[in-house]
């Protein structure tokens, strides 16, 4: 998934993960895009400071499937 696909999916209520289901992509109350580690409640930015380069490879992001 590219950056825009990730953001669009989260905004539409879908759950997006990075690399593993313990890393969930979220948008916080301030509008910041983050990757949340659900096992220890730590966060990193979805992108580098340039707000374009993902903190991970596009093919490592995936949607929740039922």
C-alpha atoms as a PDB file:
ATOM      1  CA  UNK A   1       0.000   0.000   0.000  1.00  0.00           C
ATOM      2  CA  UNK A   2       1.256   3.476  -0.731  1.00  0.00           C
ATOM      3  CA  UNK A   3       0.896   6.401   1.650  1.00  0.00           C
ATOM      4  CA  UNK A   4      -2.341   7.700   0.144  1.00  0.00           C
ATOM      5  CA  UNK A   5      -3.933   4.234   0.114  1.00  0.00           C
ATOM      6  CA  UNK A   6      -3.023   3.785   3.786  1.00  0.00           C
ATOM      7  CA  UNK A   7      -4.494   7.146   4.796  1.00  0.00           C
ATOM      8  CA  UNK A   8      -7.651   6.627   2.748  1.00  0.00           C
ATOM      9  CA  UNK A   9      -8.212   3.181   4.252  1.00  0.00           C
ATOM     10  CA  UNK A  10      -7.797   4.415   7.845  1.00  0.00           C
ATOM     11  CA  UNK A  11     -10.054   7.419   7.209  1.00  0.00           C
ATOM     12  CA  UNK A  12     -12.737   5.094   5.850  1.00  0.00           C
ATOM     13  CA  UNK A  13     -12.666   3.022   9.043  1.00  0.00           C
ATOM     14  CA  UNK A  14     -10.498   0.130   7.856  1.00  0.00           C
ATOM     15  CA  UNK A  15      -7.674  -1.255   9.970  1.00  0.00           C
ATOM     16  CA  UNK A  16      -4.223  -1.067   8.398  1.00  0.00           C
ATOM     17  CA  UNK A  17      -1.212  -2.893   9.798  1.00  0.00           C
ATOM     18  CA  UNK A  18       2.509  -2.656   9.156  1.00  0.00           C
ATOM     19  CA  UNK A  19       4.543  -5.845   9.023  1.00  0.00           C
ATOM     20  CA  UNK A  20       2.498  -7.598  11.746  1.00  0.00           C
ATOM     21  CA  UNK A  21      -0.881  -7.261  13.414  1.00  0.00           C
ATOM     22  CA  UNK A  22       0.782  -5.775  16.490  1.00  0.00           C
ATOM     23  CA  UNK A  23       1.631  -2.626  14.483  1.00  0.00           C
ATOM     24  CA  UNK A  24      -1.511  -0.675  13.658  1.00  0.00           C
ATOM     25  CA  UNK A  25      -1.626   2.546  11.634  1.00  0.00           C
ATOM     26  CA  UNK A  26      -3.648   5.272  13.338  1.00  0.00           C
ATOM     27  CA  UNK A  27      -4.384   8.963  13.042  1.00  0.00           C
ATOM     28  CA  UNK A  28      -4.305  10.579  16.490  1.00  0.00           C
ATOM     29  CA  UNK A  29      -6.499  13.372  17.837  1.00  0.00           C
ATOM     30  CA  UNK A  30      -4.041  15.970  16.535  1.00  0.00           C
ATOM     31  CA  UNK A  31      -4.167  14.547  13.016  1.00  0.00           C
ATOM     32  CA  UNK A  32      -0.734  12.938  13.206  1.00  0.00           C
ATOM     33  CA  UNK A  33      -0.227   9.650  11.365  1.00  0.00           C
ATOM     34  CA  UNK A  34       1.395   7.029  13.576  1.00  0.00           C
ATOM     35  CA  UNK A  35       2.215   3.350  13.779  1.00  0.00           C
ATOM     36  CA  UNK A  36       1.142   2.044  17.184  1.00  0.00           C
ATOM     37  CA  UNK A  37       2.667  -1.067  18.698  1.00  0.00           C
ATOM     38  CA  UNK A  38      -0.261  -2.668  20.489  1.00  0.00           C
ATOM     39  CA  UNK A  39       1.940  -4.948  22.596  1.00  0.00           C
ATOM     40  CA  UNK A  40       3.709  -2.123  24.479  1.00  0.00           C
ATOM     41  CA  UNK A  41       1.707   1.001  23.496  1.00  0.00           C
ATOM     42  CA  UNK A  42       4.672   2.708  21.788  1.00  0.00           C
ATOM     43  CA  UNK A  43       4.431   4.828  18.650  1.00  0.00           C
ATOM     44  CA  UNK A  44       6.515   5.870  15.646  1.00  0.00           C
ATOM     45  CA  UNK A  45       5.570   8.189  12.831  1.00  0.00           C
ATOM     46  CA  UNK A  46       4.008   6.645   9.745  1.00  0.00           C
ATOM     47  CA  UNK A  47       6.505   8.639   7.689  1.00  0.00           C
ATOM     48  CA  UNK A  48       9.887  10.242   8.091  1.00  0.00           C
ATOM     49  CA  UNK A  49      10.018  13.976   8.871  1.00  0.00           C
ATOM     50  CA  UNK A  50       9.502  14.710   5.157  1.00  0.00           C
ATOM     51  CA  UNK A  51       5.923  13.351   5.574  1.00  0.00           C
ATOM     52  CA  UNK A  52       6.347  11.393   2.332  1.00  0.00           C
ATOM     53  CA  UNK A  53       8.778   8.544   2.994  1.00  0.00           C
ATOM     54  CA  UNK A  54       7.085   5.650   4.800  1.00  0.00           C
ATOM     55  CA  UNK A  55       8.666   4.080   7.883  1.00  0.00           C
ATOM     56  CA  UNK A  56       8.495   0.741   6.140  1.00  0.00           C
ATOM     57  CA  UNK A  57       8.151  -0.655   2.655  1.00  0.00           C
ATOM     58  CA  UNK A  58       4.864  -0.286   0.787  1.00  0.00           C
ATOM     59  CA  UNK A  59       4.486  -4.070   0.531  1.00  0.00           C
ATOM     60  CA  UNK A  60       4.686  -4.394   4.347  1.00  0.00           C
ATOM     61  CA  UNK A  61       1.398  -2.551   4.913  1.00  0.00           C
ATOM     62  CA  UNK A  62      -1.834  -4.528   4.727  1.00  0.00           C
ATOM     63  CA  UNK A  63      -5.526  -4.352   5.572  1.00  0.00           C
ATOM     64  CA  UNK A  64      -7.348  -6.288   8.265  1.00  0.00           C
ATOM     65  CA  UNK A  65      -9.075  -9.259   6.701  1.00  0.00           C
ATOM     66  CA  UNK A  66     -11.952 -11.112   8.291  1.00  0.00           C
END
